[in-house]
Amino acid sequence: FNLGGNTGGTGGFVGDVTEVIIFTTKINTAQRLIIQNYLAAKYGIALAANDLYTMDNGANGNFDHDVAGIGRVNSTNVQSDSRGTGIVRILNPTVLDDGDYYFWGHDNGVLVAQATDVPTGVEGRYTRIWRGQEVGVLADLDIEFDLTGQGPVTAGDLRLLIDMDNDGNFGDETVAGGGVVSSATDQGGNVYRFADVTGLVSAASSTRRFTLGTTNIIQTPLPITLLSFNAFVENNNNVRLQWITAQEVNNDFFTVERSANGIDWETVVTLPGSGTTLETREYKWLDEKPFWGQSYYRLKQTDFDGTSTYSKIVSVKVSKTFQDVIVYPVPAKDELFVEFARSENVVLKIIDQLGRESQVKPTFGPRGASIDTSELTPGVYILHLTNGREHAYKKIIIED
């Protein structure tokens, strides 16, 4: 398809596309400006005009993740309710005049509670910190956090922490100073709202930092427990999976899933979790029969109540050559399994000792192929594989 002003013939866009965003309606001028600032922060692109969010710059702390914003160009070009790609939604500004905007982004800190740098009365806060930027003057706004998959939450335990003096620390904030906001309300669907917040925009051109805290780290621990999930090749044949949790709440078990294409998944192992713990835990598991070539893994974590969440997808490549063929069982009887490095247009043949090709039809799968050998006469055969460029041969034995 063609992109660009000229969408016919060969006059459209020519180049590489990094991200495609599809809208269900025509975007207005304010929305377009917000999207431009989001993309500029995400990909480190300098805007020649309308660069309204500058907290993504290194000097300001690189708050360039999940950038979103609200704003107004005029009465017909307004965006007053935004969430973007993150868990924070900002909406309902009491005053939003022409030229007023509020943007926010985060530092990509881990979504797990830490017990340090917290105000009096707060037991933990997210390691992740957001930073906003006000353009013009707004009176107040509502801020919501979507805490889906992040453990049990009691709304009364939540605190919005605002770095009122913008020194990068939250431990010196107080309720009286506006840096600790309570009164979170449960909106349903794991969404919690702080209404009519003034501390983020009470000063003209405010760029204050904010995060979410809890007054009860056991009852409302604020965890996404997974700190990391990685896959490594060991001894050229195996895949080592490793993951680390910062803390776990009602964690029943982990399920490791594997895919040859990143779309179709199979379960390869289930391992017990640690229930509830505030300690860092490390898990390891060795896949001794990985797919050859490129493959993908993901981790599913399931709570005691059946709630489950998925990790990011990681990929790994086991560097097998086409000639590295594994055949089993030996000897075979009714079915033969053949593992080989995946390749396009692979042809499998079974040839008897007189050079005659047997009429067998292999069934190909992500690990190789299976062959119905129940009709073959017992004896010794040669298995021939070719992809048109390379050839591999294996001796096989068929028994009664």
Protein backbone atom coordinates (compact mmCIF):
# COMPACT_ATOMS: atom_id res chain seq x y z
CA PHE A 1 0.00 0.00 0.00
CA ASN A 2 1.01 3.62 -0.37
CA LEU A 3 1.52 6.21 2.36
CA GLY A 4 1.69 9.95 1.97
CA GLY A 5 -0.12 12.77 0.26
CA ASN A 6 -0.02 11.01 -3.09
CA THR A 7 -1.59 7.59 -2.57
CA GLY A 8 -1.77 6.55 -6.20
CA GLY A 9 0.82 5.14 -8.55
CA THR A 10 4.40 5.19 -7.30
CA GLY A 11 4.35 8.64 -5.71
CA GLY A 12 3.71 7.53 -2.15
CA PHE A 13 6.06 7.09 0.78
CA VAL A 14 9.31 5.19 0.25
CA GLY A 15 11.36 4.24 3.32
CA ASP A 16 11.30 2.38 6.64
CA VAL A 17 8.31 2.47 9.01
CA THR A 18 9.02 2.07 12.73
CA GLU A 19 5.52 2.47 14.13
CA VAL A 20 2.01 2.53 12.68
CA ILE A 21 -0.83 4.11 14.66
CA ILE A 22 -4.40 3.48 13.50
CA PHE A 23 -7.18 5.85 14.57
CA THR A 24 -10.91 5.30 14.45
CA THR A 25 -11.60 8.94 13.65
CA LYS A 26 -9.84 11.91 12.09
CA ILE A 27 -7.45 13.40 14.63
CA ASN A 28 -7.65 17.11 15.40
CA THR A 29 -4.81 19.62 15.65
CA ALA A 30 -4.36 19.28 19.42
CA GLN A 31 -4.27 15.51 19.18
CA ARG A 32 -1.75 15.64 16.36
CA LEU A 33 0.53 17.89 18.40
CA ILE A 34 0.35 15.51 21.38
CA ILE A 35 1.14 12.52 19.15
CA GLN A 36 4.14 14.32 17.69
CA ASN A 37 5.56 14.94 21.18
CA TYR A 38 4.97 11.29 22.13
CA LEU A 39 6.84 10.04 19.06
CA ALA A 40 9.64 12.60 19.46
CA ALA A 41 10.24 11.43 23.04
CA LYS A 42 10.00 7.73 22.20
CA TYR A 43 12.43 7.80 19.28
CA GLY A 44 14.69 10.68 20.32
CA ILE A 45 13.67 12.93 17.42
CA ALA A 46 13.98 16.69 17.81
CA LEU A 47 10.89 18.62 16.81
CA ALA A 48 11.50 21.79 14.81
CA ALA A 49 8.24 23.26 16.11
CA ASN A 50 5.76 22.56 18.92
CA ASP A 51 8.32 20.75 21.10
CA LEU A 52 6.21 21.17 24.23
CA TYR A 53 7.42 18.19 26.24
CA THR A 54 11.09 18.56 27.14
CA MET A 55 11.26 16.27 30.19
CA ASP A 56 12.47 13.58 27.78
CA ASN A 57 15.82 15.39 27.46
CA GLY A 58 18.83 14.01 29.31
CA ALA A 59 19.24 17.18 31.35
CA ASN A 60 15.70 16.73 32.67
CA GLY A 61 16.03 13.06 33.56
CA ASN A 62 14.95 11.20 30.38
CA PHE A 63 11.28 10.82 31.28
CA ASP A 64 10.64 9.67 27.72
CA HIS A 65 8.56 6.49 28.18
CA ASP A 66 4.79 6.23 27.56
CA VAL A 67 4.51 9.97 26.98
CA ALA A 68 0.94 11.27 26.72
CA GLY A 69 -0.81 14.59 27.10
CA ILE A 70 -3.94 16.69 27.18
CA GLY A 71 -4.30 20.12 25.59
CA ARG A 72 -6.25 22.63 23.58
CA VAL A 73 -5.56 24.65 20.46
CA ASN A 74 -9.04 26.17 20.32
CA SER A 75 -12.64 25.20 21.07
CA THR A 76 -12.79 22.72 18.18
CA ASN A 77 -9.33 21.21 18.64
CA VAL A 78 -9.22 19.77 22.16
CA GLN A 79 -7.93 16.63 23.88
CA SER A 80 -8.95 16.62 27.54
CA ASP A 81 -8.71 12.91 28.41
CA SER A 82 -5.62 10.82 27.62
CA ARG A 83 -3.91 7.67 28.76
CA GLY A 84 -1.49 6.79 25.98
CA THR A 85 0.45 3.53 26.23
CA GLY A 86 1.08 3.56 30.01
CA ILE A 87 -0.94 2.95 33.17
CA VAL A 88 -1.56 6.66 33.93
CA ARG A 89 -4.64 8.46 32.66
CA ILE A 90 -5.22 12.21 33.14
CA LEU A 91 -8.61 13.79 32.54
CA ASN A 92 -11.18 16.36 33.65
CA PRO A 93 -9.09 19.55 33.84
CA THR A 94 -11.28 22.27 35.34
CA VAL A 95 -9.61 24.91 33.18
CA LEU A 96 -8.18 24.17 29.73
CA ASP A 97 -7.82 27.35 27.72
CA ASP A 98 -6.35 27.88 24.26
CA GLY A 99 -2.65 27.01 24.37
CA ASP A 100 -2.87 25.04 27.64
CA TYR A 101 -1.27 21.56 27.75
CA TYR A 102 -0.13 19.01 30.27
CA PHE A 103 2.24 16.21 29.27
CA TRP A 104 3.70 13.35 31.30
CA GLY A 105 6.14 10.47 30.84
CA HIS A 106 8.15 8.15 33.08
CA ASP A 107 11.76 7.05 33.60
CA ASN A 108 11.10 3.34 32.87
CA GLY A 109 11.68 2.42 36.51
CA VAL A 110 10.39 -0.97 37.64
CA LEU A 111 6.74 -1.15 38.67
CA VAL A 112 7.51 -2.57 42.09
CA ALA A 113 7.31 -0.97 45.52
CA GLN A 114 10.44 0.19 47.32
CA ALA A 115 10.48 1.00 51.03
CA THR A 116 13.01 3.84 50.78
CA ASP A 117 12.55 7.55 49.94
CA VAL A 118 8.96 7.63 51.16
CA PRO A 119 7.15 10.26 53.28
CA THR A 120 6.12 9.64 56.87
CA GLY A 121 3.12 7.29 56.99
CA VAL A 122 3.88 5.74 53.58
CA GLU A 123 5.45 2.25 53.62
CA GLY A 124 6.39 1.95 49.97
CA ARG A 125 6.23 3.61 46.59
CA TYR A 126 6.77 2.64 42.98
CA THR A 127 10.36 2.70 41.86
CA ARG A 128 8.99 4.18 38.63
CA ILE A 129 8.71 7.97 38.62
CA TRP A 130 6.65 10.09 36.26
CA ARG A 131 7.34 13.72 35.41
CA GLY A 132 4.80 16.13 34.05
CA GLN A 133 5.12 19.38 32.15
CA GLU A 134 2.53 22.12 32.23
CA VAL A 135 2.23 24.55 29.32
CA GLY A 136 0.12 27.55 30.23
CA VAL A 137 -1.78 27.44 33.52
CA LEU A 138 -4.19 24.69 34.56
CA ALA A 139 -6.16 24.75 37.82
CA ASP A 140 -6.44 21.04 38.58
CA LEU A 141 -7.00 17.64 36.98
CA ASP A 142 -7.92 14.03 37.76
CA ILE A 143 -5.29 11.32 37.60
CA GLU A 144 -5.99 7.58 37.37
CA PHE A 145 -3.77 4.51 37.70
CA ASP A 146 -4.69 1.20 36.08
CA LEU A 147 -3.33 -1.42 38.48
CA THR A 148 -4.49 -4.49 36.57
CA GLY A 149 -2.31 -7.50 37.33
CA GLN A 150 -0.42 -5.74 40.11
CA GLY A 151 -1.64 -7.61 43.14
CA PRO A 152 -4.37 -6.85 45.68
CA VAL A 153 -5.27 -3.18 46.17
CA THR A 154 -7.20 -1.41 48.90
CA ALA A 155 -8.06 2.06 47.63
CA GLY A 156 -7.64 3.63 51.07
CA ASP A 157 -3.97 2.53 51.14
CA LEU A 158 -3.05 4.42 47.97
CA ARG A 159 -1.25 7.76 48.05
CA LEU A 160 -0.35 10.02 45.15
CA LEU A 161 3.14 11.32 45.91
CA ILE A 162 4.12 14.65 44.32
CA ASP A 163 7.66 16.03 44.51
CA MET A 164 6.54 19.54 45.36
CA ASP A 165 10.06 21.03 45.57
CA ASN A 166 11.14 19.05 42.50
CA ASP A 167 14.38 17.89 44.09
CA GLY A 168 13.97 14.27 43.01
CA ASN A 169 13.08 13.07 46.52
CA PHE A 170 9.70 12.07 47.96
CA GLY A 171 10.78 11.45 51.55
CA ASP A 172 10.47 15.13 52.46
CA GLU A 173 6.86 15.51 51.30
CA THR A 174 3.87 15.93 53.61
CA VAL A 175 0.10 15.98 53.43
CA ALA A 176 0.09 19.62 54.53
CA GLY A 177 2.51 20.57 51.79
CA GLY A 178 0.42 18.96 49.09
CA GLY A 179 3.00 16.28 48.32
CA VAL A 180 0.94 13.39 49.74
CA VAL A 181 -2.57 13.06 48.29
CA SER A 182 -4.98 10.47 49.70
CA SER A 183 -8.67 10.04 48.78
CA ALA A 184 -8.18 7.55 45.96
CA THR A 185 -11.48 6.12 44.74
CA ASP A 186 -12.04 2.72 43.12
CA GLN A 187 -13.43 3.25 39.60
CA GLY A 188 -13.84 -0.48 38.93
CA GLY A 189 -11.77 -2.58 36.57
CA ASN A 190 -8.64 -2.14 38.75
CA VAL A 191 -8.62 1.62 38.08
CA TYR A 192 -8.09 4.08 40.95
CA ARG A 193 -8.63 7.86 40.70
CA PHE A 194 -7.32 10.90 42.54
CA ALA A 195 -9.74 13.74 41.74
CA ASP A 196 -9.13 17.50 41.55
CA VAL A 197 -5.37 17.27 42.04
CA THR A 198 -3.77 20.71 42.19
CA GLY A 199 -0.19 19.85 43.14
CA LEU A 200 0.87 18.85 39.62
CA VAL A 201 -0.24 22.14 38.04
CA SER A 202 -0.54 24.62 40.88
CA ALA A 203 2.57 26.49 39.72
CA ALA A 204 2.83 27.97 36.22
CA SER A 205 4.95 25.80 33.91
CA SER A 206 5.15 23.07 36.57
CA THR A 207 7.44 20.10 35.83
CA ARG A 208 6.93 18.22 39.10
CA ARG A 209 7.62 14.52 39.49
CA PHE A 210 5.01 12.11 40.85
CA THR A 211 4.56 8.43 41.69
CA LEU A 212 2.18 6.11 43.53
CA GLY A 213 2.64 5.02 47.15
CA THR A 214 1.03 2.65 49.63
CA THR A 215 0.50 2.96 53.38
CA ASN A 216 0.28 -0.84 53.75
CA ILE A 217 2.89 -2.70 51.71
CA ILE A 218 1.45 -6.11 52.70
CA GLN A 219 -2.19 -5.32 51.99
CA THR A 220 -1.46 -3.17 48.91
CA PRO A 221 2.07 -4.13 47.80
CA LEU A 222 1.98 -2.51 44.34
CA PRO A 223 4.04 -5.21 42.64
CA ILE A 224 4.63 -6.30 39.15
CA THR A 225 6.86 -8.97 40.59
CA LEU A 226 8.92 -9.75 37.50
CA LEU A 227 12.16 -7.79 37.36
CA SER A 228 13.65 -9.66 34.41
CA PHE A 229 13.05 -12.60 32.08
CA ASN A 230 15.86 -13.76 29.79
CA ALA A 231 16.86 -16.67 27.57
CA PHE A 232 20.42 -17.80 26.79
CA VAL A 233 21.90 -20.56 24.62
CA GLU A 234 24.02 -23.07 26.55
CA ASN A 235 26.39 -25.59 24.97
CA ASN A 236 24.99 -24.77 21.51
CA ASN A 237 22.04 -27.11 22.10
CA ASN A 238 20.11 -26.00 25.19
CA VAL A 239 18.27 -22.82 26.19
CA ARG A 240 18.65 -21.51 29.73
CA LEU A 241 15.68 -19.48 30.97
CA GLN A 242 16.17 -17.17 33.94
CA TRP A 243 13.81 -14.80 35.69
CA ILE A 244 13.95 -12.70 38.85
CA THR A 245 11.07 -11.46 40.98
CA ALA A 246 11.34 -8.52 43.36
CA GLN A 247 8.42 -9.70 45.46
CA GLU A 248 5.49 -12.04 45.04
CA VAL A 249 1.91 -11.86 46.28
CA ASN A 250 -0.24 -15.01 46.22
CA ASN A 251 1.93 -16.43 43.44
CA ASP A 252 0.84 -20.03 42.81
CA PHE A 253 2.98 -21.08 39.84
CA PHE A 254 4.90 -20.09 36.70
CA THR A 255 4.34 -21.57 33.24
CA VAL A 256 7.05 -21.41 30.59
CA GLU A 257 5.62 -21.27 27.06
CA ARG A 258 7.53 -21.71 23.81
CA SER A 259 6.78 -20.81 20.19
CA ALA A 260 8.48 -21.30 16.84
CA ASN A 261 6.81 -18.24 15.29
CA GLY A 262 5.79 -15.97 18.17
CA ILE A 263 2.10 -16.70 17.51
CA ASP A 264 1.38 -20.35 18.35
CA TRP A 265 2.45 -21.29 21.89
CA GLU A 266 2.96 -24.54 23.75
CA THR A 267 3.51 -25.20 27.46
CA VAL A 268 6.92 -26.73 28.19
CA VAL A 269 7.09 -26.67 32.01
CA THR A 270 5.19 -25.50 35.08
CA LEU A 271 7.13 -24.49 38.19
CA PRO A 272 5.85 -23.52 41.65
CA GLY A 273 5.89 -19.90 42.78
CA SER A 274 6.80 -18.63 46.23
CA GLY A 275 3.33 -17.65 47.45
CA THR A 276 3.77 -14.29 49.17
CA THR A 277 7.27 -12.96 49.81
CA LEU A 278 8.90 -9.55 49.90
CA GLU A 279 12.30 -11.02 49.10
CA THR A 280 13.98 -11.12 45.70
CA ARG A 281 13.80 -14.61 44.16
CA GLU A 282 15.68 -16.04 41.18
CA TYR A 283 14.36 -18.90 39.04
CA LYS A 284 16.13 -20.98 36.38
CA TRP A 285 15.07 -23.74 34.02
CA LEU A 286 16.92 -25.50 31.19
CA ASP A 287 15.15 -26.37 27.95
CA GLU A 288 17.07 -29.40 26.70
CA LYS A 289 14.91 -29.82 23.61
CA PRO A 290 14.52 -26.31 22.18
CA PHE A 291 13.44 -25.54 18.67
CA TRP A 292 16.33 -25.26 16.26
CA GLY A 293 16.88 -21.86 14.73
CA GLN A 294 14.89 -18.86 16.01
CA SER A 295 12.36 -19.48 18.75
CA TYR A 296 10.42 -17.48 21.33
CA TYR A 297 9.63 -17.83 25.03
CA ARG A 298 7.25 -16.13 27.43
CA LEU A 299 6.43 -16.58 31.12
CA LYS A 300 2.93 -16.88 32.51
CA GLN A 301 2.44 -16.19 36.22
CA THR A 302 -0.73 -17.47 37.89
CA ASP A 303 -2.06 -16.46 41.32
CA PHE A 304 -3.95 -18.75 43.74
CA ASP A 305 -7.21 -17.15 42.59
CA GLY A 306 -6.49 -18.07 38.96
CA THR A 307 -5.52 -14.58 37.84
CA SER A 308 -2.62 -14.70 35.41
CA THR A 309 -0.27 -12.27 33.68
CA TYR A 310 2.32 -12.68 30.92
CA SER A 311 5.89 -11.47 30.69
CA LYS A 312 7.45 -9.86 27.68
CA ILE A 313 8.42 -12.22 24.84
CA VAL A 314 12.11 -13.06 24.50
CA SER A 315 13.74 -14.70 21.48
CA VAL A 316 16.79 -16.90 21.15
CA LYS A 317 18.52 -18.66 18.27
CA VAL A 318 19.98 -22.16 18.54
CA SER A 319 22.58 -22.28 15.78
CA LYS A 320 22.13 -25.69 14.24
CA THR A 321 23.16 -26.45 10.67
CA PHE A 322 20.98 -28.29 8.21
CA GLN A 323 23.20 -31.36 8.57
CA ASP A 324 22.55 -31.60 12.32
CA VAL A 325 19.79 -34.19 12.10
CA ILE A 326 18.39 -36.18 15.03
CA VAL A 327 16.37 -39.33 14.34
CA TYR A 328 14.46 -41.33 16.97
CA PRO A 329 13.46 -43.85 18.14
CA VAL A 330 16.25 -46.23 17.11
CA PRO A 331 15.13 -48.69 15.92
CA ALA A 332 11.71 -47.38 14.85
CA LYS A 333 8.52 -49.30 14.39
CA ASP A 334 5.33 -47.42 13.55
CA GLU A 335 6.56 -43.82 13.62
CA LEU A 336 9.86 -42.03 13.08
CA PHE A 337 10.66 -38.55 14.35
CA VAL A 338 13.20 -36.36 12.57
CA GLU A 339 14.55 -33.10 14.04
CA PHE A 340 16.50 -30.69 11.86
CA ALA A 341 17.20 -26.99 11.51
CA ARG A 342 14.08 -25.40 10.09
CA SER A 343 14.34 -24.43 6.45
CA GLU A 344 12.02 -23.67 3.57
CA ASN A 345 11.03 -26.40 1.09
CA VAL A 346 12.57 -29.37 2.91
CA VAL A 347 12.10 -32.73 1.16
CA LEU A 348 12.35 -36.01 3.09
CA LYS A 349 12.87 -39.39 1.43
CA ILE A 350 13.35 -42.91 2.78
CA ILE A 351 15.42 -45.13 0.48
CA ASP A 352 15.87 -48.89 0.83
CA GLN A 353 19.10 -50.83 0.24
CA LEU A 354 18.25 -51.30 -3.44
CA GLY A 355 17.97 -47.55 -3.96
CA ARG A 356 14.18 -47.54 -4.16
CA GLU A 357 12.25 -44.64 -2.70
CA SER A 358 9.55 -45.64 -0.21
CA GLN A 359 6.16 -43.99 -0.51
CA VAL A 360 5.94 -42.22 2.84
CA LYS A 361 4.44 -38.82 3.57
CA PRO A 362 6.08 -36.80 6.36
CA THR A 363 4.09 -34.45 8.57
CA PHE A 364 6.07 -31.28 9.18
CA GLY A 365 6.03 -29.39 12.46
CA PRO A 366 8.06 -26.68 14.20
CA ARG A 367 10.68 -29.17 15.45
CA GLY A 368 11.06 -31.10 12.20
CA ALA A 369 8.82 -33.91 10.94
CA SER A 370 7.19 -37.19 11.84
CA ILE A 371 6.89 -40.12 9.41
CA ASP A 372 4.44 -43.01 9.51
CA THR A 373 6.67 -46.09 9.04
CA SER A 374 4.08 -48.74 9.90
CA GLU A 375 3.88 -49.93 6.27
CA LEU A 376 7.65 -50.27 5.75
CA THR A 377 9.24 -53.71 5.62
CA PRO A 378 11.62 -54.25 8.56
CA GLY A 379 15.22 -53.58 7.60
CA VAL A 380 17.87 -50.89 7.09
CA TYR A 381 17.07 -47.68 5.19
CA ILE A 382 18.67 -44.33 4.37
CA LEU A 383 16.87 -41.12 5.31
CA HIS A 384 17.66 -38.35 2.80
CA LEU A 385 16.91 -34.68 3.55
CA THR A 386 17.44 -31.77 1.19
CA ASN A 387 16.42 -28.14 1.03
CA GLY A 388 17.60 -27.74 -2.55
CA ARG A 389 20.99 -26.42 -1.52
CA GLU A 390 22.20 -28.87 1.13
CA HIS A 391 21.82 -32.60 1.70
CA ALA A 392 21.87 -34.71 4.85
CA TYR A 393 21.77 -38.51 5.25
CA LYS A 394 20.94 -40.76 8.19
CA LYS A 395 20.79 -44.54 8.53
CA ILE A 396 17.57 -45.78 10.09
CA ILE A 397 16.36 -49.20 11.17
CA ILE A 398 12.77 -50.38 11.00
CA GLU A 399 11.78 -53.34 13.20
CA ASP A 400 8.73 -55.56 13.44
